[in-house]
Protein backbone atom coordinates (compact mmCIF):
# COMPACT_ATOMS: atom_id res chain seq x y z
CA MET A 1 -101.38 205.42 -81.89
CA LYS A 2 -103.27 204.38 -78.73
CA THR A 3 -102.85 200.74 -79.67
CA TYR A 4 -99.11 201.22 -80.13
CA CYS A 5 -98.75 202.92 -76.72
CA CYS A 6 -100.75 200.18 -75.01
CA LEU A 7 -98.61 197.54 -76.68
CA VAL A 8 -95.39 199.23 -75.54
CA ALA A 9 -96.71 199.51 -71.99
CA LEU A 10 -97.77 195.86 -71.99
CA VAL A 11 -94.34 194.68 -73.19
CA ALA A 12 -92.62 196.83 -70.55
CA CYS A 13 -94.80 195.36 -67.81
CA LEU A 14 -94.29 191.81 -68.95
CA SER A 15 -90.55 192.17 -69.23
CA GLY A 16 -90.48 193.57 -65.69
CA CYS A 17 -92.34 190.53 -64.38
CA ALA A 18 -89.73 188.18 -65.74
CA GLY A 19 -86.89 190.08 -64.07
CA GLY A 20 -86.23 187.44 -61.41
CA VAL A 21 -85.62 184.64 -63.90
CA LYS A 22 -84.13 186.40 -66.92
CA ASP A 23 -80.86 184.45 -66.62
CA VAL A 24 -82.60 181.07 -66.87
CA ALA A 25 -82.91 179.50 -70.29
CA CYS A 26 -86.22 177.89 -71.11
CA SER A 27 -84.67 174.74 -72.56
CA GLY A 28 -81.58 172.64 -72.05
CA GLN A 29 -81.66 173.09 -68.29
CA ASN A 30 -81.29 170.43 -65.62
CA TRP A 31 -84.84 170.86 -64.36
CA ALA A 32 -84.58 167.86 -62.03
CA GLY A 33 -81.46 169.37 -60.45
CA PHE A 34 -83.18 172.73 -60.12
CA GLY A 35 -86.21 171.08 -58.49
CA TYR A 36 -83.98 169.10 -56.15
CA LYS A 37 -82.16 172.27 -55.06
CA ILE A 38 -85.42 174.09 -54.31
CA GLY A 39 -86.84 171.11 -52.42
CA SER A 40 -83.67 170.44 -50.43
CA GLU A 41 -83.78 174.05 -49.21
CA GLY A 42 -87.33 173.56 -47.92
CA LYS A 43 -88.80 176.07 -50.35
CA SER A 44 -92.17 176.02 -52.09
CA VAL A 45 -92.79 173.86 -55.14
CA HIS A 46 -94.22 177.01 -56.71
CA GLU A 47 -90.73 178.46 -57.25
CA PHE A 48 -91.07 176.91 -60.72
CA ASP A 49 -94.07 179.11 -61.54
CA ALA A 50 -91.90 182.16 -62.24
CA HIS A 51 -89.89 180.17 -64.79
CA ARG A 52 -93.01 178.79 -66.39
CA SER A 53 -94.48 182.29 -66.67
CA ALA A 54 -91.28 183.77 -68.10
CA CYS A 55 -90.81 181.01 -70.65
CA GLY A 56 -94.43 180.54 -71.68
CA SER A 57 -94.68 178.25 -74.70
CA ASN A 58 -90.86 178.20 -75.00
CA LEU A 59 -90.58 176.00 -71.92
CA GLU A 60 -89.23 172.66 -73.07
CA GLN A 61 -91.41 169.56 -73.01
CA GLY A 62 -91.00 167.58 -69.80
CA ALA A 63 -89.52 170.46 -67.78
CA LEU A 64 -92.33 170.46 -65.22
CA LYS A 65 -92.22 166.69 -64.71
CA ALA A 66 -88.43 166.72 -64.30
CA TYR A 67 -88.67 169.67 -61.89
CA LEU A 68 -91.33 167.92 -59.81
CA ASP A 69 -89.34 164.67 -59.70
CA GLY A 70 -86.27 166.56 -58.45
CA TYR A 71 -88.32 168.67 -56.06
CA THR A 72 -89.94 165.58 -54.54
CA ARG A 73 -86.55 163.99 -53.86
CA GLY A 74 -85.22 167.23 -52.37
CA ILE A 75 -88.18 168.02 -50.12
CA ILE A 76 -88.27 164.45 -48.78
CA GLU A 77 -84.58 164.75 -47.86
CA TYR A 78 -85.20 168.16 -46.27
CA CYS A 79 -88.23 167.16 -44.20
CA THR A 80 -86.51 164.75 -41.79
CA TYR A 81 -86.44 164.69 -38.01
CA ASP A 82 -82.71 165.52 -38.04
CA ASN A 83 -83.12 168.51 -40.32
CA GLY A 84 -86.15 169.71 -38.35
CA TYR A 85 -83.99 169.57 -35.23
CA LYS A 86 -81.19 171.46 -36.97
CA VAL A 87 -83.56 174.17 -38.21
CA GLY A 88 -85.25 174.51 -34.79
CA SER A 89 -81.98 174.65 -32.87
CA LYS A 90 -80.92 177.62 -35.01
CA ASN A 91 -84.23 179.36 -34.31
CA THR A 92 -84.90 179.44 -38.05
CA PRO A 93 -88.59 179.51 -39.04
CA MET A 94 -90.04 176.07 -39.73
CA SER A 95 -90.67 175.24 -43.38
CA GLU A 96 -94.36 175.15 -44.26
CA PHE A 97 -93.77 173.08 -47.38
CA CYS A 98 -93.15 169.58 -46.03
CA PRO A 99 -95.65 167.07 -47.41
CA ALA A 100 -98.16 165.60 -44.96
CA GLU A 101 -96.47 162.17 -45.18
CA VAL A 102 -93.26 163.45 -43.59
CA ARG A 103 -94.35 166.66 -41.88
CA ALA A 104 -94.97 165.13 -38.43
CA ASN A 105 -91.44 163.73 -38.14
CA TYR A 106 -89.90 167.02 -39.30
CA ALA A 107 -92.11 168.96 -36.85
CA LYS A 108 -91.06 166.71 -33.93
CA GLY A 109 -87.39 167.34 -34.66
CA TYR A 110 -88.07 171.04 -35.06
CA LYS A 111 -89.86 171.20 -31.70
CA VAL A 112 -87.00 169.44 -29.87
CA GLY A 113 -84.43 171.73 -31.51
CA LYS A 114 -86.48 174.85 -30.83
CA ASN A 115 -86.92 173.86 -27.17
CA GLU A 116 -83.17 173.36 -26.80
CA PHE A 117 -82.58 176.75 -28.39
CA THR A 118 -85.05 178.35 -25.97
CA ASP A 119 -83.44 176.57 -22.98
CA LYS A 120 -79.96 177.78 -24.02
CA LEU A 121 -81.33 181.30 -24.40
CA ARG A 122 -82.80 181.19 -20.88
CA ILE A 123 -79.49 179.96 -19.44
CA MET A 124 -77.59 182.73 -21.22
CA GLN A 125 -80.08 185.33 -19.98
CA LYS A 126 -79.73 184.03 -16.42
CA GLN A 127 -75.94 184.28 -16.69
CA VAL A 128 -76.25 187.87 -17.90
CA ASP A 129 -78.67 188.69 -15.08
CA ASP A 130 -76.36 187.06 -12.53
CA SER A 131 -73.34 188.95 -13.85
CA ASP A 132 -75.24 192.24 -13.48
CA THR A 133 -75.26 191.61 -9.73
CA GLN A 134 -71.56 191.31 -9.01
CA PRO A 135 -70.36 189.66 -5.79
CA GLY A 136 -68.50 192.84 -4.71
CA GLU A 137 -71.76 194.78 -4.60
CA ARG A 138 -73.22 192.40 -2.04
CA ASN A 139 -70.16 192.54 0.21
CA GLU A 140 -69.95 196.37 0.18
CA SER A 141 -73.14 196.70 2.18
CA LYS A 142 -71.74 194.32 4.79
CA SER A 143 -68.34 196.05 4.94
CA ASN A 144 -69.94 199.49 5.46
CA SER A 145 -71.70 198.35 8.63
CA PRO A 146 -69.85 198.96 11.87
CA SER A 147 -67.85 196.01 13.15
CA ALA A 148 -68.32 194.62 16.53
CA PRO A 149 -65.36 195.19 18.89
């Protein structure tokens, strides 16, 4: 009876772990396309690990290689100067997953974009601060003083 209870608990735990990928079939998928999508979004190559764990030995032959090929294409397209600039100018966190070969260029673009974002933020804050001190407030103190005859 103890063995049966342990087995039921183990199955329940394992099925809970696969919850994030239960809609993904373990074979017949476009693994290269999936890898490309993950890479082109600047996400970790380890996104595949959940699928590999859920599928176990049912994962089709060549899935990992196809995924990695697609991921490599996607991450290289993501980690460009232009995209780094775009990400930085939106004040979005910089991806930590760019390969060393292209990371420097991506980081340069990110820094330029982030600096522009920060500059725009400062300008907007200055405009808000300036609008808090309205011109009429300055003139009131002068108009309340007695006029010379």
